[in-house]
Amino acid sequence: MTCKVLMEKEVKQEKADKRELIMAAAMELFRDKGYSNTRIIDIAQKAGIGKGTVYAYFDSKEDLMIKLIREIVDTDFQKLIMTYGVGTTKDKILKYILDTDEMLEKYGIYATIFRDQIVLDGEVDSDEAVELVEGIIAGQYQKMRNILAEGIETGEVRTSDLDQATVYAMTAVGTRMMTKLSEMDKCGVPTFLKVGEFKGLSAEALVDFILNGIGA
């Protein structure tokens, strides 16, 4: 490998490292201060770089937020909306819950920040950002709906209202997620080591609750 090629690889790596540094700093500040109260200079100072360096990678704060969301969506959240192949309804719901757990353990409190600040609070004035986050929410809903619809076809699920059943199932999963968030420290970092140590409703118990309810 020539010196020129090595130098080019080092430059690319340095750029990638700085970009990741900026995005990590932005994510933390958006969480702590909110998107509206975070300035580019704040992000630069948090990352330990100059303000101009941030603009070398991102056109604006909105551009940074959009690329941050898109990267998370492309790398991780796609699995939350991809359909499952073979397996029973119970298997698919359990996989859905465990996929959610995996995202929660990786991102902690960040798992809800984009939804809250972009969709619910309306802090981010960006149609693209709203579309991205709403796409995740809609995709998760549709995925659960498809799982239950397949369960109806196979006789594993009994319901007179598929959409209502989907809302109830999603609410149960969301409540479990918020309970897990309450077990994290103030920095949004999980205080548990693995899913099995979670003190609340286990994934298996939640699947049983969704499919069978609490009736005798």
C-alpha atoms as a PDB file:
ATOM      1  CA  MET A   1       0.000   0.000   0.000  1.00  0.00           C
ATOM      2  CA  THR A   2       1.462   3.370  -1.032  1.00  0.00           C
ATOM      3  CA  CYS A   3       2.008   6.323   1.291  1.00  0.00           C
ATOM      4  CA  LYS A   4      -0.598   8.285  -0.654  1.00  0.00           C
ATOM      5  CA  VAL A   5      -3.244   5.619  -0.082  1.00  0.00           C
ATOM      6  CA  LEU A   6      -2.377   5.426   3.618  1.00  0.00           C
ATOM      7  CA  MET A   7      -2.646   9.187   3.976  1.00  0.00           C
ATOM      8  CA  GLU A   8      -5.998   9.223   2.222  1.00  0.00           C
ATOM      9  CA  LYS A   9      -7.291   6.504   4.576  1.00  0.00           C
ATOM     10  CA  GLU A  10      -6.073   8.470   7.606  1.00  0.00           C
ATOM     11  CA  VAL A  11      -7.800  11.633   6.381  1.00  0.00           C
ATOM     12  CA  LYS A  12     -11.068   9.757   5.802  1.00  0.00           C
ATOM     13  CA  GLN A  13     -10.860   8.196   9.267  1.00  0.00           C
ATOM     14  CA  GLU A  14     -10.171  11.577  10.863  1.00  0.00           C
ATOM     15  CA  LYS A  15     -13.211  13.061   9.103  1.00  0.00           C
ATOM     16  CA  ALA A  16     -15.371  10.148  10.211  1.00  0.00           C
ATOM     17  CA  ASP A  17     -14.158  10.518  13.802  1.00  0.00           C
ATOM     18  CA  LYS A  18     -14.932  14.252  13.879  1.00  0.00           C
ATOM     19  CA  ARG A  19     -18.349  13.700  12.362  1.00  0.00           C
ATOM     20  CA  GLU A  20     -19.167  11.090  15.013  1.00  0.00           C
ATOM     21  CA  LEU A  21     -17.848  13.435  17.717  1.00  0.00           C
ATOM     22  CA  ILE A  22     -20.130  16.232  16.534  1.00  0.00           C
ATOM     23  CA  MET A  23     -23.170  13.973  16.319  1.00  0.00           C
ATOM     24  CA  ALA A  24     -22.572  12.507  19.783  1.00  0.00           C
ATOM     25  CA  ALA A  25     -22.240  15.995  21.278  1.00  0.00           C
ATOM     26  CA  ALA A  26     -25.394  17.168  19.504  1.00  0.00           C
ATOM     27  CA  MET A  27     -27.398  14.158  20.675  1.00  0.00           C
ATOM     28  CA  GLU A  28     -26.419  14.769  24.295  1.00  0.00           C
ATOM     29  CA  LEU A  29     -27.198  18.489  24.140  1.00  0.00           C
ATOM     30  CA  PHE A  30     -30.527  17.952  22.386  1.00  0.00           C
ATOM     31  CA  ARG A  31     -31.421  15.630  25.228  1.00  0.00           C
ATOM     32  CA  ASP A  32     -30.253  17.889  28.069  1.00  0.00           C
ATOM     33  CA  LYS A  33     -31.165  21.342  26.746  1.00  0.00           C
ATOM     34  CA  GLY A  34     -33.687  20.578  24.032  1.00  0.00           C
ATOM     35  CA  TYR A  35     -33.257  21.193  20.329  1.00  0.00           C
ATOM     36  CA  SER A  36     -34.483  24.798  20.431  1.00  0.00           C
ATOM     37  CA  ASN A  37     -32.091  25.795  23.226  1.00  0.00           C
ATOM     38  CA  THR A  38     -29.030  24.205  21.650  1.00  0.00           C
ATOM     39  CA  ARG A  39     -26.755  26.351  19.464  1.00  0.00           C
ATOM     40  CA  ILE A  40     -24.088  25.290  17.020  1.00  0.00           C
ATOM     41  CA  ILE A  41     -21.464  26.930  19.254  1.00  0.00           C
ATOM     42  CA  ASP A  42     -22.703  24.763  22.149  1.00  0.00           C
ATOM     43  CA  ILE A  43     -22.233  21.647  20.044  1.00  0.00           C
ATOM     44  CA  ALA A  44     -18.758  22.766  18.966  1.00  0.00           C
ATOM     45  CA  GLN A  45     -17.676  23.441  22.548  1.00  0.00           C
ATOM     46  CA  LYS A  46     -19.100  20.115  23.718  1.00  0.00           C
ATOM     47  CA  ALA A  47     -17.187  18.322  20.961  1.00  0.00           C
ATOM     48  CA  GLY A  48     -14.005  20.283  21.701  1.00  0.00           C
ATOM     49  CA  ILE A  49     -13.724  21.722  18.191  1.00  0.00           C
ATOM     50  CA  GLY A  50     -14.231  25.048  16.456  1.00  0.00           C
ATOM     51  CA  LYS A  51     -17.636  26.284  15.341  1.00  0.00           C
ATOM     52  CA  GLY A  52     -16.439  26.381  11.744  1.00  0.00           C
ATOM     53  CA  THR A  53     -15.578  22.680  11.899  1.00  0.00           C
ATOM     54  CA  VAL A  54     -19.223  21.840  12.615  1.00  0.00           C
ATOM     55  CA  TYR A  55     -20.268  23.736   9.484  1.00  0.00           C
ATOM     56  CA  ALA A  56     -17.668  21.825   7.501  1.00  0.00           C
ATOM     57  CA  TYR A  57     -19.743  18.687   8.108  1.00  0.00           C
ATOM     58  CA  PHE A  58     -23.291  20.030   8.504  1.00  0.00           C
ATOM     59  CA  ASP A  59     -25.054  22.943   6.796  1.00  0.00           C
ATOM     60  CA  SER A  60     -27.116  23.886   9.840  1.00  0.00           C
ATOM     61  CA  LYS A  61     -28.460  22.639  13.152  1.00  0.00           C
ATOM     62  CA  GLU A  62     -31.501  21.302  11.317  1.00  0.00           C
ATOM     63  CA  ASP A  63     -29.260  19.492   8.838  1.00  0.00           C
ATOM     64  CA  LEU A  64     -27.367  17.959  11.769  1.00  0.00           C
ATOM     65  CA  MET A  65     -30.581  16.793  13.434  1.00  0.00           C
ATOM     66  CA  ILE A  66     -31.942  15.293  10.221  1.00  0.00           C
ATOM     67  CA  LYS A  67     -28.713  13.426   9.469  1.00  0.00           C
ATOM     68  CA  LEU A  68     -28.562  12.237  13.071  1.00  0.00           C
ATOM     69  CA  ILE A  69     -32.071  10.814  12.858  1.00  0.00           C
ATOM     70  CA  ARG A  70     -31.491   9.353   9.400  1.00  0.00           C
ATOM     71  CA  GLU A  71     -28.304   7.595  10.541  1.00  0.00           C
ATOM     72  CA  ILE A  72     -30.070   6.055  13.516  1.00  0.00           C
ATOM     73  CA  VAL A  73     -33.002   5.033  11.322  1.00  0.00           C
ATOM     74  CA  ASP A  74     -30.740   3.514   8.666  1.00  0.00           C
ATOM     75  CA  THR A  75     -28.462   1.655  11.069  1.00  0.00           C
ATOM     76  CA  ASP A  76     -30.774   0.467  13.823  1.00  0.00           C
ATOM     77  CA  PHE A  77     -34.453   1.299  13.656  1.00  0.00           C
ATOM     78  CA  GLN A  78     -35.012  -0.441  10.342  1.00  0.00           C
ATOM     79  CA  LYS A  79     -35.182  -3.722  12.226  1.00  0.00           C
ATOM     80  CA  LEU A  80     -38.144  -2.375  14.194  1.00  0.00           C
ATOM     81  CA  ILE A  81     -40.230  -2.024  11.052  1.00  0.00           C
ATOM     82  CA  MET A  82     -38.976  -4.968   8.966  1.00  0.00           C
ATOM     83  CA  THR A  83     -41.422  -7.863   8.810  1.00  0.00           C
ATOM     84  CA  TYR A  84     -40.536 -11.220  10.309  1.00  0.00           C
ATOM     85  CA  GLY A  85     -40.539 -14.440   8.343  1.00  0.00           C
ATOM     86  CA  VAL A  86     -41.514 -17.783   9.760  1.00  0.00           C
ATOM     87  CA  GLY A  87     -42.588 -18.383  13.331  1.00  0.00           C
ATOM     88  CA  THR A  88     -45.666 -18.359  15.527  1.00  0.00           C
ATOM     89  CA  THR A  89     -47.428 -15.155  16.538  1.00  0.00           C
ATOM     90  CA  LYS A  90     -45.947 -15.589  19.996  1.00  0.00           C
ATOM     91  CA  ASP A  91     -42.442 -15.874  18.518  1.00  0.00           C
ATOM     92  CA  LYS A  92     -42.925 -12.739  16.419  1.00  0.00           C
ATOM     93  CA  ILE A  93     -44.274 -10.591  19.249  1.00  0.00           C
ATOM     94  CA  LEU A  94     -41.446 -11.744  21.494  1.00  0.00           C
ATOM     95  CA  LYS A  95     -38.905 -10.855  18.795  1.00  0.00           C
ATOM     96  CA  TYR A  96     -40.577  -7.457  18.395  1.00  0.00           C
ATOM     97  CA  ILE A  97     -40.244  -6.759  22.126  1.00  0.00           C
ATOM     98  CA  LEU A  98     -36.619  -7.946  22.263  1.00  0.00           C
ATOM     99  CA  ASP A  99     -35.747  -5.758  19.257  1.00  0.00           C
ATOM    100  CA  THR A 100     -37.245  -2.813  21.155  1.00  0.00           C
ATOM    101  CA  ASP A 101     -35.204  -3.755  24.222  1.00  0.00           C
ATOM    102  CA  GLU A 102     -32.055  -3.809  22.120  1.00  0.00           C
ATOM    103  CA  MET A 103     -32.664  -0.267  20.865  1.00  0.00           C
ATOM    104  CA  LEU A 104     -33.478   0.884  24.381  1.00  0.00           C
ATOM    105  CA  GLU A 105     -30.272  -0.563  25.805  1.00  0.00           C
ATOM    106  CA  LYS A 106     -28.225   1.079  23.063  1.00  0.00           C
ATOM    107  CA  TYR A 107     -29.807   4.534  23.099  1.00  0.00           C
ATOM    108  CA  GLY A 108     -31.334   4.801  26.575  1.00  0.00           C
ATOM    109  CA  ILE A 109     -33.364   7.978  26.978  1.00  0.00           C
ATOM    110  CA  TYR A 110     -32.444   8.935  23.410  1.00  0.00           C
ATOM    111  CA  ALA A 111     -34.951   6.320  22.277  1.00  0.00           C
ATOM    112  CA  THR A 112     -37.783   8.778  22.992  1.00  0.00           C
ATOM    113  CA  ILE A 113     -36.118  12.155  22.542  1.00  0.00           C
ATOM    114  CA  PHE A 114     -36.770  12.507  18.821  1.00  0.00           C
ATOM    115  CA  ARG A 115     -40.413  11.541  19.133  1.00  0.00           C
ATOM    116  CA  ASP A 116     -40.985  13.975  21.996  1.00  0.00           C
ATOM    117  CA  GLN A 117     -39.097  16.985  20.657  1.00  0.00           C
ATOM    118  CA  ILE A 118     -39.971  16.583  17.004  1.00  0.00           C
ATOM    119  CA  VAL A 119     -43.488  15.140  16.900  1.00  0.00           C
ATOM    120  CA  LEU A 120     -45.086  15.857  20.286  1.00  0.00           C
ATOM    121  CA  ASP A 121     -43.442  19.127  21.361  1.00  0.00           C
ATOM    122  CA  GLY A 122     -42.855  20.470  17.870  1.00  0.00           C
ATOM    123  CA  GLU A 123     -39.445  21.924  18.780  1.00  0.00           C
ATOM    124  CA  VAL A 124     -37.931  21.020  15.429  1.00  0.00           C
ATOM    125  CA  ASP A 125     -39.386  23.062  12.573  1.00  0.00           C
ATOM    126  CA  SER A 126     -38.519  20.583   9.854  1.00  0.00           C
ATOM    127  CA  ASP A 127     -40.990  18.653   7.732  1.00  0.00           C
ATOM    128  CA  GLU A 128     -38.293  16.117   6.858  1.00  0.00           C
ATOM    129  CA  ALA A 129     -37.449  15.444  10.517  1.00  0.00           C
ATOM    130  CA  VAL A 130     -41.138  15.043  11.386  1.00  0.00           C
ATOM    131  CA  GLU A 131     -41.618  12.727   8.420  1.00  0.00           C
ATOM    132  CA  LEU A 132     -38.667  10.568   9.469  1.00  0.00           C
ATOM    133  CA  VAL A 133     -39.841  10.166  13.069  1.00  0.00           C
ATOM    134  CA  GLU A 134     -43.489   9.682  12.128  1.00  0.00           C
ATOM    135  CA  GLY A 135     -42.308   7.050   9.658  1.00  0.00           C
ATOM    136  CA  ILE A 136     -40.681   5.103  12.483  1.00  0.00           C
ATOM    137  CA  ILE A 137     -43.826   5.306  14.620  1.00  0.00           C
ATOM    138  CA  ALA A 138     -46.113   4.353  11.736  1.00  0.00           C
ATOM    139  CA  GLY A 139     -43.765   1.549  10.709  1.00  0.00           C
ATOM    140  CA  GLN A 140     -43.740   0.067  14.205  1.00  0.00           C
ATOM    141  CA  TYR A 141     -47.536   0.213  14.365  1.00  0.00           C
ATOM    142  CA  GLN A 142     -47.921  -1.431  10.961  1.00  0.00           C
ATOM    143  CA  LYS A 143     -45.460  -4.150  11.902  1.00  0.00           C
ATOM    144  CA  MET A 144     -47.409  -5.064  15.032  1.00  0.00           C
ATOM    145  CA  ARG A 145     -50.652  -4.901  13.054  1.00  0.00           C
ATOM    146  CA  ASN A 146     -49.234  -7.314  10.465  1.00  0.00           C
ATOM    147  CA  ILE A 147     -48.136  -9.732  13.186  1.00  0.00           C
ATOM    148  CA  LEU A 148     -51.614  -9.761  14.727  1.00  0.00           C
ATOM    149  CA  ALA A 149     -53.298 -10.000  11.312  1.00  0.00           C
ATOM    150  CA  GLU A 150     -51.206 -13.065  10.498  1.00  0.00           C
ATOM    151  CA  GLY A 151     -52.155 -14.467  13.896  1.00  0.00           C
ATOM    152  CA  ILE A 152     -55.830 -14.057  13.071  1.00  0.00           C
ATOM    153  CA  GLU A 153     -55.343 -15.974   9.832  1.00  0.00           C
ATOM    154  CA  THR A 154     -53.621 -18.847  11.636  1.00  0.00           C
ATOM    155  CA  GLY A 155     -56.173 -18.883  14.439  1.00  0.00           C
ATOM    156  CA  GLU A 156     -53.644 -17.798  17.091  1.00  0.00           C
ATOM    157  CA  VAL A 157     -55.279 -14.409  17.689  1.00  0.00           C
ATOM    158  CA  ARG A 158     -58.947 -13.728  18.403  1.00  0.00           C
ATOM    159  CA  THR A 159     -60.123 -10.132  18.051  1.00  0.00           C
ATOM    160  CA  SER A 160     -63.101  -8.335  16.550  1.00  0.00           C
ATOM    161  CA  ASP A 161     -61.116  -5.140  15.945  1.00  0.00           C
ATOM    162  CA  LEU A 162     -57.583  -5.520  14.575  1.00  0.00           C
ATOM    163  CA  ASP A 163     -56.675  -1.836  14.853  1.00  0.00           C
ATOM    164  CA  GLN A 164     -57.886  -1.622  18.433  1.00  0.00           C
ATOM    165  CA  ALA A 165     -55.937  -4.764  19.334  1.00  0.00           C
ATOM    166  CA  THR A 166     -52.835  -3.246  17.713  1.00  0.00           C
ATOM    167  CA  VAL A 167     -53.180  -0.065  19.770  1.00  0.00           C
ATOM    168  CA  TYR A 168     -53.518  -2.090  22.974  1.00  0.00           C
ATOM    169  CA  ALA A 169     -50.493  -4.226  22.112  1.00  0.00           C
ATOM    170  CA  MET A 170     -48.384  -1.177  21.223  1.00  0.00           C
ATOM    171  CA  THR A 171     -49.485   0.569  24.426  1.00  0.00           C
ATOM    172  CA  ALA A 172     -48.377  -2.434  26.473  1.00  0.00           C
ATOM    173  CA  VAL A 173     -44.969  -2.501  24.769  1.00  0.00           C
ATOM    174  CA  GLY A 174     -44.609   1.280  25.167  1.00  0.00           C
ATOM    175  CA  THR A 175     -45.506   1.154  28.862  1.00  0.00           C
ATOM    176  CA  ARG A 176     -42.887  -1.524  29.435  1.00  0.00           C
ATOM    177  CA  MET A 177     -40.339   0.619  27.606  1.00  0.00           C
ATOM    178  CA  MET A 178     -41.100   3.668  29.781  1.00  0.00           C
ATOM    179  CA  THR A 179     -40.827   1.518  32.895  1.00  0.00           C
ATOM    180  CA  LYS A 180     -37.394   0.379  31.760  1.00  0.00           C
ATOM    181  CA  LEU A 181     -36.381   3.990  31.138  1.00  0.00           C
ATOM    182  CA  SER A 182     -37.223   4.788  34.753  1.00  0.00           C
ATOM    183  CA  GLU A 183     -34.577   2.258  35.809  1.00  0.00           C
ATOM    184  CA  MET A 184     -31.852   4.181  33.973  1.00  0.00           C
ATOM    185  CA  ASP A 185     -29.607   6.751  35.616  1.00  0.00           C
ATOM    186  CA  LYS A 186     -29.975  10.517  35.151  1.00  0.00           C
ATOM    187  CA  CYS A 187     -27.722  10.471  32.104  1.00  0.00           C
ATOM    188  CA  GLY A 188     -30.024   8.086  30.297  1.00  0.00           C
ATOM    189  CA  VAL A 189     -27.616   5.176  30.562  1.00  0.00           C
ATOM    190  CA  PRO A 190     -29.154   1.799  31.378  1.00  0.00           C
ATOM    191  CA  THR A 191     -28.427   0.750  34.959  1.00  0.00           C
ATOM    192  CA  PHE A 192     -29.160  -2.885  34.096  1.00  0.00           C
ATOM    193  CA  LEU A 193     -26.666  -5.156  32.352  1.00  0.00           C
ATOM    194  CA  LYS A 194     -29.026  -7.224  30.275  1.00  0.00           C
ATOM    195  CA  VAL A 195     -32.696  -7.655  29.503  1.00  0.00           C
ATOM    196  CA  GLY A 196     -33.092 -10.590  31.877  1.00  0.00           C
ATOM    197  CA  GLU A 197     -32.231  -8.409  34.887  1.00  0.00           C
ATOM    198  CA  PHE A 198     -35.112  -6.022  34.257  1.00  0.00           C
ATOM    199  CA  LYS A 199     -37.314  -5.958  37.366  1.00  0.00           C
ATOM    200  CA  GLY A 200     -40.544  -5.175  35.538  1.00  0.00           C
ATOM    201  CA  LEU A 201     -42.669  -7.269  33.234  1.00  0.00           C
ATOM    202  CA  SER A 202     -40.503  -9.754  31.360  1.00  0.00           C
ATOM    203  CA  ALA A 203     -40.720  -9.968  27.581  1.00  0.00           C
ATOM    204  CA  GLU A 204     -42.257 -13.435  27.809  1.00  0.00           C
ATOM    205  CA  ALA A 205     -44.823 -12.273  30.387  1.00  0.00           C
ATOM    206  CA  LEU A 206     -45.753  -9.333  28.196  1.00  0.00           C
ATOM    207  CA  VAL A 207     -46.304 -11.617  25.206  1.00  0.00           C
ATOM    208  CA  ASP A 208     -48.566 -13.781  27.355  1.00  0.00           C
ATOM    209  CA  PHE A 209     -50.460 -10.699  28.507  1.00  0.00           C
ATOM    210  CA  ILE A 210     -50.950  -9.432  24.946  1.00  0.00           C
ATOM    211  CA  LEU A 211     -52.147 -12.783  23.660  1.00  0.00           C
ATOM    212  CA  ASN A 212     -54.120 -14.018  26.669  1.00  0.00           C
ATOM    213  CA  GLY A 213     -54.938 -11.001  28.811  1.00  0.00           C
ATOM    214  CA  ILE A 214     -55.488 -11.461  32.543  1.00  0.00           C
ATOM    215  CA  GLY A 215     -58.693 -13.472  32.478  1.00  0.00           C
ATOM    216  CA  ALA A 216     -58.864 -16.819  34.276  1.00  0.00           C
END
